[in-house]
Protein backbone atom coordinates (compact mmCIF):
# COMPACT_ATOMS: atom_id res chain seq x y z
CA LEU A 1 -0.02 -0.03 0.11
CA LYS A 2 3.08 2.64 0.21
CA CYS A 3 2.19 3.72 3.33
CA GLY A 4 4.04 2.12 6.43
CA LYS A 5 1.55 4.22 8.98
CA LEU A 6 -1.41 1.68 8.15
CA ASP A 7 -1.95 -0.94 10.96
CA LEU A 8 -3.03 -3.71 8.95
CA VAL A 9 -3.63 -7.17 10.02
CA ALA A 10 -3.83 -10.53 8.92
CA LEU A 11 -7.59 -11.42 9.15
CA ASN A 12 -6.39 -15.21 10.11
CA GLN A 13 -4.93 -13.68 13.66
CA LEU A 14 -8.24 -12.14 14.22
CA GLN A 15 -9.29 -14.53 16.71
CA LYS A 16 -10.14 -12.70 19.92
CA LEU A 17 -12.21 -10.02 18.96
CA ASP A 18 -15.80 -10.08 20.51
CA ASP A 19 -16.98 -10.57 17.11
CA THR A 20 -14.52 -12.44 15.38
CA PRO A 21 -15.90 -13.09 11.45
CA ALA A 22 -16.24 -16.51 9.02
CA ILE A 23 -13.68 -15.91 6.55
CA ILE A 24 -14.68 -17.02 2.53
CA HIS A 25 -11.84 -16.79 -0.38
CA ILE A 26 -13.15 -17.47 -3.50
CA ILE A 27 -10.72 -17.58 -5.95
CA ASP A 28 -11.15 -17.63 -9.37
CA LEU A 29 -8.69 -19.50 -11.78
CA ASN A 30 -11.19 -19.84 -14.97
CA ASN A 31 -10.70 -23.61 -15.59
CA ARG A 32 -12.52 -23.83 -11.33
CA ILE A 33 -13.30 -22.18 -8.30
CA GLU A 34 -11.54 -23.01 -4.95
CA VAL A 35 -13.40 -21.58 -1.95
CA ILE A 36 -11.78 -21.82 1.09
CA VAL A 37 -13.27 -21.15 4.33
CA GLN A 38 -12.02 -20.40 8.17
CA SER A 39 -14.06 -19.87 11.06
CA PRO A 40 -13.78 -19.01 14.23
CA GLY A 41 -10.96 -21.53 16.24
CA ASN A 42 -11.54 -23.63 13.43
CA SER A 43 -9.05 -24.97 10.53
CA PRO A 44 -9.38 -23.56 6.75
CA HIS A 45 -12.00 -26.03 4.97
CA HIS A 46 -11.42 -25.70 0.96
CA HIS A 47 -14.09 -26.65 -2.01
CA SER A 48 -13.16 -26.54 -5.27
CA VAL A 49 -15.80 -26.20 -8.32
CA ASP A 50 -15.74 -26.55 -12.05
CA SER A 51 -16.46 -23.02 -13.12
CA LYS A 52 -18.20 -24.02 -15.84
CA LEU A 53 -21.19 -24.71 -13.06
CA VAL A 54 -21.12 -21.15 -12.44
CA ARG A 55 -19.46 -19.10 -14.77
CA THR A 56 -23.08 -18.86 -16.85
CA HIS A 57 -25.44 -17.70 -13.77
CA VAL A 58 -21.85 -15.08 -12.92
CA ASN A 59 -21.55 -13.63 -16.04
CA THR A 60 -25.75 -13.49 -16.22
CA LEU A 61 -26.13 -12.41 -12.80
CA LEU A 62 -23.48 -9.08 -13.72
CA GLU A 63 -25.86 -8.03 -16.89
CA ILE A 64 -28.65 -8.19 -14.94
CA LEU A 65 -27.98 -5.92 -11.59
CA GLN A 66 -25.89 -3.28 -14.12
CA ASP A 67 -29.19 -3.17 -15.75
CA GLU A 68 -30.95 0.15 -15.60
CA LYS A 69 -34.28 -1.73 -16.02
CA LEU A 70 -33.11 -4.05 -12.59
CA VAL A 71 -36.04 -2.65 -10.96
CA TYR A 72 -38.34 -4.35 -13.21
CA THR A 73 -36.79 -7.67 -13.14
CA LYS A 74 -38.76 -10.03 -11.29
CA GLU A 75 -36.76 -11.09 -7.95
CA HIS A 76 -37.42 -14.85 -8.44
CA ILE A 77 -34.87 -15.05 -11.72
CA ILE A 78 -31.95 -13.16 -9.68
CA THR A 79 -32.38 -15.37 -6.93
CA SER A 80 -32.28 -18.66 -8.82
CA HIS A 81 -28.82 -17.60 -10.27
CA TYR A 82 -27.73 -17.04 -6.90
CA GLN A 83 -29.39 -20.34 -5.56
CA VAL A 84 -26.73 -21.57 -7.84
CA LEU A 85 -24.12 -20.05 -6.66
CA TYR A 86 -24.91 -21.02 -3.02
CA LYS A 87 -25.33 -25.03 -3.80
CA GLU A 88 -22.57 -24.70 -5.79
CA LEU A 89 -19.84 -22.51 -3.90
CA ILE A 90 -21.20 -21.85 -0.49
CA ALA A 91 -23.56 -25.36 0.78
CA PRO A 92 -20.63 -27.74 0.80
CA LEU A 93 -18.79 -26.22 3.34
CA LYS A 94 -22.05 -24.70 5.31
CA LYS A 95 -20.98 -26.95 8.28
CA TYR A 96 -18.04 -25.38 9.02
CA LEU A 97 -20.06 -21.86 8.80
CA PRO A 98 -21.19 -20.43 12.17
CA ASP A 99 -25.85 -20.12 12.11
CA SER A 100 -25.47 -16.75 12.18
CA GLY A 101 -22.52 -13.75 13.18
CA THR A 102 -20.56 -11.84 10.32
CA LEU A 103 -18.82 -12.97 7.05
CA ILE A 104 -16.30 -11.23 5.41
CA PHE A 105 -15.56 -12.51 1.60
CA ILE A 106 -12.09 -11.89 -0.08
CA LEU A 107 -13.45 -11.95 -3.51
CA ASP A 108 -11.35 -12.57 -6.87
CA LYS A 109 -12.35 -10.98 -10.70
CA SER A 110 -16.35 -10.92 -11.45
CA PHE A 111 -17.30 -11.69 -7.61
CA GLN A 112 -16.29 -8.43 -6.66
CA SER A 113 -19.19 -6.97 -8.57
CA LEU A 114 -21.85 -9.27 -7.19
CA PRO A 115 -23.28 -8.60 -3.91
CA MET A 116 -22.93 -11.71 -1.72
CA ASN A 117 -25.58 -10.88 0.68
CA LEU A 118 -28.02 -11.92 -2.27
CA LEU A 119 -27.05 -15.49 -1.70
CA HIS A 120 -29.50 -17.31 -1.43
CA ASP A 121 -30.07 -20.95 0.58
CA GLY A 122 -33.95 -21.82 -1.52
CA LYS A 123 -35.54 -20.52 1.74
CA ASP A 124 -34.35 -16.85 2.70
CA TYR A 125 -31.21 -14.67 1.69
CA LEU A 126 -28.44 -14.89 3.57
CA VAL A 127 -28.91 -11.87 5.06
CA LYS A 128 -31.51 -12.80 7.27
CA HIS A 129 -28.95 -14.84 8.60
CA TYR A 130 -25.47 -13.34 8.47
CA SER A 131 -23.91 -9.40 8.14
CA PHE A 132 -21.33 -9.14 5.33
CA SER A 133 -18.40 -7.44 4.98
CA GLU A 134 -15.72 -7.48 2.45
CA THR A 135 -12.22 -6.87 1.70
CA LEU A 136 -9.31 -6.39 -0.96
CA GLY A 137 -7.48 -8.97 0.47
CA SER A 138 -6.18 -11.35 3.49
CA ARG A 139 -5.30 -7.74 5.28
CA VAL A 140 -7.05 -5.10 7.10
CA ARG A 141 -6.46 -2.01 9.33
CA MET A 142 -6.99 -3.56 12.85
CA PRO A 143 -11.03 -3.21 13.32
CA LYS A 144 -12.46 -0.86 15.94
CA LEU A 145 -15.92 -0.84 17.32
CA LEU A 146 -16.79 3.07 16.00
CA GLN A 147 -17.39 4.32 19.66
CA GLN A 148 -20.25 7.09 20.82
CA ASP A 149 -17.94 9.76 21.32
CA GLN A 150 -16.66 8.98 17.60
CA MET A 151 -20.57 10.14 16.66
CA LYS A 152 -19.02 12.77 14.49
CA ALA A 153 -19.67 13.35 10.61
CA PHE A 154 -18.46 15.96 7.99
CA ILE A 155 -21.22 15.38 5.49
CA ALA A 156 -20.85 16.54 1.45
CA ALA A 157 -24.02 16.65 0.01
CA LEU A 158 -25.38 17.98 -3.81
CA SER A 159 -28.84 18.07 -3.80
CA ILE A 160 -29.32 21.03 -6.48
CA PRO A 161 -28.86 21.75 -10.36
CA SER A 162 -25.09 22.03 -10.42
CA PRO A 163 -22.23 23.10 -12.94
CA SER A 164 -20.51 19.76 -12.45
CA LEU A 165 -23.60 17.69 -14.14
CA THR A 166 -21.98 18.83 -17.49
CA ASP A 167 -18.35 18.28 -16.44
CA SER A 168 -17.38 15.85 -19.19
CA ASN A 169 -16.56 13.74 -16.95
CA ALA A 170 -20.20 13.24 -15.01
CA PRO A 171 -21.99 10.17 -15.06
CA PRO A 172 -23.92 10.21 -18.26
CA GLY A 173 -27.61 11.70 -17.50
CA ALA A 174 -26.84 12.90 -14.18
CA GLU A 175 -29.39 14.94 -12.72
CA ALA A 176 -29.87 16.85 -9.09
CA LEU A 177 -30.58 14.86 -5.99
CA PRO A 178 -32.97 17.12 -3.86
CA GLN A 179 -33.14 13.95 -1.18
CA ALA A 180 -29.45 14.56 -0.82
CA LYS A 181 -30.66 17.31 1.43
CA GLN A 182 -32.46 15.19 3.43
CA GLU A 183 -30.35 12.21 3.74
CA ALA A 184 -27.68 14.73 5.35
CA GLU A 185 -29.97 16.34 7.71
CA ASP A 186 -30.79 12.78 8.82
CA VAL A 187 -27.48 11.85 9.23
CA ARG A 188 -26.26 15.46 10.84
CA LYS A 189 -29.15 14.59 13.76
CA LEU A 190 -28.02 11.17 14.39
CA THR A 191 -24.49 12.15 15.08
CA ASN A 192 -23.32 14.05 18.01
CA SER A 193 -21.29 16.95 15.96
CA SER A 194 -21.10 17.99 12.45
CA LEU A 195 -20.23 19.69 9.85
CA ILE A 196 -22.05 20.17 6.38
CA LEU A 197 -20.62 21.25 3.27
CA LEU A 198 -24.50 21.36 1.05
CA ASP A 199 -25.00 22.50 -1.99
CA LYS A 200 -22.87 25.85 -3.24
CA GLU A 201 -20.48 24.82 -0.58
CA PHE A 202 -19.56 21.23 -1.73
CA THR A 203 -17.13 23.15 -3.71
CA SER A 204 -14.18 20.79 -4.57
CA SER A 205 -11.78 23.25 -3.16
CA ASN A 206 -13.67 24.08 0.25
CA PHE A 207 -13.92 19.54 0.66
CA GLY A 208 -10.48 19.74 -0.48
CA GLN A 209 -9.54 22.06 3.02
CA ARG A 210 -11.91 20.73 5.14
CA ILE A 211 -11.17 16.93 4.91
CA SER A 212 -7.20 18.20 5.15
CA GLU A 213 -7.87 20.53 8.20
CA GLU A 214 -10.82 19.04 10.06
CA ASN A 215 -10.59 15.62 12.19
CA PHE A 216 -14.20 14.04 11.53
CA PRO A 217 -14.44 10.31 12.30
CA ILE A 218 -17.08 9.91 9.65
CA VAL A 219 -17.20 11.38 6.63
CA HIS A 220 -20.69 10.82 4.41
CA ILE A 221 -20.62 12.13 1.08
CA SER A 222 -23.83 12.28 -0.93
CA THR A 223 -23.33 12.75 -4.46
CA HIS A 224 -23.46 11.02 -8.17
CA GLY A 225 -20.26 8.71 -8.42
CA GLN A 226 -19.33 6.38 -10.45
CA PHE A 227 -16.25 3.99 -11.41
CA SER A 228 -15.21 3.74 -14.76
CA SER A 229 -12.85 1.67 -16.64
CA LYS A 230 -11.43 5.15 -17.54
CA LEU A 231 -9.71 6.78 -14.41
CA ILE A 232 -10.43 10.31 -15.77
CA ARG A 233 -14.14 9.67 -15.31
CA THR A 234 -13.89 7.65 -12.04
CA GLY A 235 -14.74 10.53 -9.13
CA PHE A 236 -18.05 11.65 -7.44
CA LEU A 237 -19.75 15.23 -8.29
CA ALA A 238 -18.52 18.58 -6.16
CA TYR A 239 -20.66 21.88 -6.50
CA ASP A 240 -18.04 22.76 -9.41
CA ARG A 241 -17.00 19.90 -10.89
CA GLN A 242 -15.96 16.02 -10.81
CA ILE A 243 -13.25 15.38 -7.85
CA ASN A 244 -11.32 12.42 -9.89
CA ILE A 245 -10.92 9.46 -8.03
CA ARG A 246 -7.14 10.43 -7.76
CA GLU A 247 -7.05 13.42 -6.30
CA PHE A 248 -9.53 11.80 -3.53
CA ASP A 249 -6.62 9.14 -3.20
CA SER A 250 -4.19 12.16 -2.54
CA LEU A 251 -6.32 13.91 -0.26
CA LEU A 252 -7.09 10.59 1.82
CA ARG A 253 -3.38 9.43 1.76
CA ASN A 254 -2.18 13.20 3.32
CA LYS A 255 -4.41 13.37 5.71
CA THR A 256 -3.95 9.25 6.78
CA GLN A 257 0.19 10.22 7.18
CA ALA A 258 -0.13 13.79 8.21
CA SER A 259 -2.41 12.68 11.18
CA SER A 260 -3.17 9.99 13.89
CA ASP A 261 -6.80 10.08 13.65
CA ILE A 262 -8.07 8.54 10.51
CA ILE A 263 -11.39 8.03 8.84
CA GLU A 264 -13.05 5.40 10.97
CA LEU A 265 -16.14 5.26 8.17
CA LEU A 266 -16.33 6.78 4.86
CA VAL A 267 -20.29 7.12 3.36
CA LEU A 268 -19.82 6.91 -0.41
CA SER A 269 -24.01 7.42 -0.36
CA ALA A 270 -23.97 7.35 -4.68
CA CYS A 271 -24.44 6.05 -6.94
CA GLN A 272 -22.36 3.01 -8.31
CA THR A 273 -19.62 4.18 -6.00
CA ALA A 274 -18.47 0.27 -5.93
CA LYS A 275 -19.06 -0.81 -8.90
CA GLY A 276 -16.74 -1.35 -11.68
CA ASN A 277 -15.64 -4.17 -14.63
CA LYS A 278 -14.84 -7.97 -13.16
CA ARG A 279 -11.26 -7.00 -12.34
CA SER A 280 -12.77 -3.96 -10.34
CA ALA A 281 -11.27 -3.92 -7.06
CA LEU A 282 -14.32 -2.30 -5.76
CA GLY A 283 -13.61 1.22 -7.39
CA ILE A 284 -13.69 3.81 -5.09
CA ALA A 285 -14.43 2.20 -2.03
CA GLY A 286 -11.15 -0.06 -2.59
CA VAL A 287 -9.27 3.35 -3.32
CA ALA A 288 -10.39 4.45 0.21
CA VAL A 289 -10.00 1.77 2.25
CA GLN A 290 -6.22 1.23 0.47
CA ALA A 291 -5.57 4.77 0.93
CA GLY A 292 -6.58 4.51 4.93
CA ALA A 293 -9.89 4.41 5.51
CA ARG A 294 -11.15 1.81 8.35
CA SER A 295 -14.37 1.46 6.92
CA THR A 296 -16.07 2.26 3.63
CA VAL A 297 -19.82 2.03 2.99
CA ALA A 298 -20.37 2.43 -1.12
CA THR A 299 -22.82 1.02 -3.98
CA LEU A 300 -22.86 -1.46 -6.86
CA TRP A 301 -24.94 -0.14 -8.96
CA LEU A 302 -27.52 3.03 -9.68
CA VAL A 303 -29.47 3.46 -6.17
CA GLU A 304 -32.43 5.36 -5.99
CA ALA A 305 -32.74 8.34 -3.93
CA ASN A 306 -35.54 7.76 -1.30
CA SER A 307 -34.44 4.25 -0.56
CA THR A 308 -31.33 5.39 -0.16
CA VAL A 309 -32.58 8.33 2.39
CA GLU A 310 -34.08 5.72 4.33
CA LEU A 311 -31.47 3.13 4.41
CA MET A 312 -29.18 5.09 5.53
CA GLU A 313 -31.12 6.93 8.24
CA GLU A 314 -31.59 2.99 9.72
CA PHE A 315 -27.67 2.65 9.26
CA TYR A 316 -27.28 5.82 11.65
CA LYS A 317 -29.36 4.60 13.84
CA GLY A 318 -27.85 1.25 14.15
CA LEU A 319 -24.50 2.67 14.49
CA ARG A 320 -26.43 4.98 17.67
CA LYS A 321 -27.30 2.05 19.28
CA GLY A 322 -23.44 0.62 18.86
CA LEU A 323 -24.03 -1.93 16.73
CA THR A 324 -21.06 -3.22 14.24
CA LYS A 325 -20.97 -1.24 10.94
CA ALA A 326 -21.71 -5.00 9.06
CA GLU A 327 -24.93 -5.54 11.74
CA ALA A 328 -26.29 -1.66 11.53
CA LEU A 329 -26.25 -1.93 7.63
CA ARG A 330 -28.02 -5.45 7.92
CA GLN A 331 -30.29 -4.06 9.86
CA ALA A 332 -30.88 -1.02 7.78
CA GLN A 333 -31.21 -3.80 4.66
CA LEU A 334 -33.89 -5.83 6.53
CA ALA A 335 -35.66 -2.66 7.22
CA LEU A 336 -35.91 -1.78 3.25
CA MET A 337 -37.14 -5.71 2.71
CA THR A 338 -39.57 -5.16 5.28
CA ASN A 339 -41.19 -2.54 3.28
CA PRO A 340 -43.50 -3.33 0.56
CA LYS A 341 -42.06 0.27 -1.66
CA TYR A 342 -38.51 -0.73 -0.90
CA ALA A 343 -38.18 -4.90 -0.93
CA HIS A 344 -37.16 -5.89 -4.76
CA PRO A 345 -33.42 -6.03 -4.25
CA TYR A 346 -32.42 -3.55 -6.53
CA TYR A 347 -33.25 -1.11 -3.54
CA TRP A 348 -31.15 -2.96 -0.66
CA ALA A 349 -28.70 -5.34 -2.14
CA PRO A 350 -26.23 -2.35 -3.90
CA PHE A 351 -24.88 -1.45 -0.61
CA LEU A 352 -22.02 -2.76 1.02
CA ILE A 353 -19.20 -3.01 3.31
CA VAL A 354 -15.25 -2.81 2.47
CA GLY A 355 -12.49 -3.26 5.17
CA SER A 356 -13.55 -3.48 9.23
CA TRP A 357 -16.69 -4.93 9.56
CA LEU A 358 -16.62 -4.00 13.69
């Protein structure tokens, strides 16, 4: 990671935490898929699958989930493919997994763009029983629970028409997000103290200055964003222009190296912030984690603004109750699932945590 100050630890050494997760590696070797499971206190167990049994389902899911008409896709079509993935990849090792708790996925290639919370055992989504997190490798920053005195947020939100919407590198068809103002206000109410850059205050220069000078454990960004195979198109929109991924990475690295007060939780409440090609390292979320944020919440596809406001409100309520970040996200997703308006996976499934689950 080119940064000696990052306190990285190996996942298999984390056996004495209050919430020790089970770790699942899915390794794509082209002709076969290797799955390795390690549960707390147990030795690793291994399962090998002929890739022909899952490849078509993976590719079909990538097409379905990244399609702008996803919300109109029948839920049973999505679950049918995920049931095959569960049967071939997870079921043979299920007896080595706990009945509940947290599952950490270390994913390879195409699997990085598939939300694992949609895995379905034929009766339920696994998210009914487990919270989920993903990492970009077998080493992470030392997981730490977010303390109540760390519920202080730097919030940047863009809710009105802005010059950046016409930026040549903006997401195609980007429009104003009036719901972002409500989301920012909800986060402010559910944190102990906060600073908000809203609309015209959320310029690239203001954002860069504030994130460099201020020490907030939580950074919450609500705007349009995208991850593209073209680096110049990868980033998120401030009021005046796009903040490119390289610029964002530099800001976070400089902050990490200059201060012991790292970002405990970075929330990228923006469209497709974790979307990428089959070999992506989870897009902007990956850059954020590699640059030093302990945990990052991001999305895998274009999210709906109203449901996102509701999910984020539930997520922060969970954090206030002292839940782990992964469990707070799970509870927020379950809350959306029980709402008939937002029960379809399109609304709740794209959100994922990268990095520390605590």
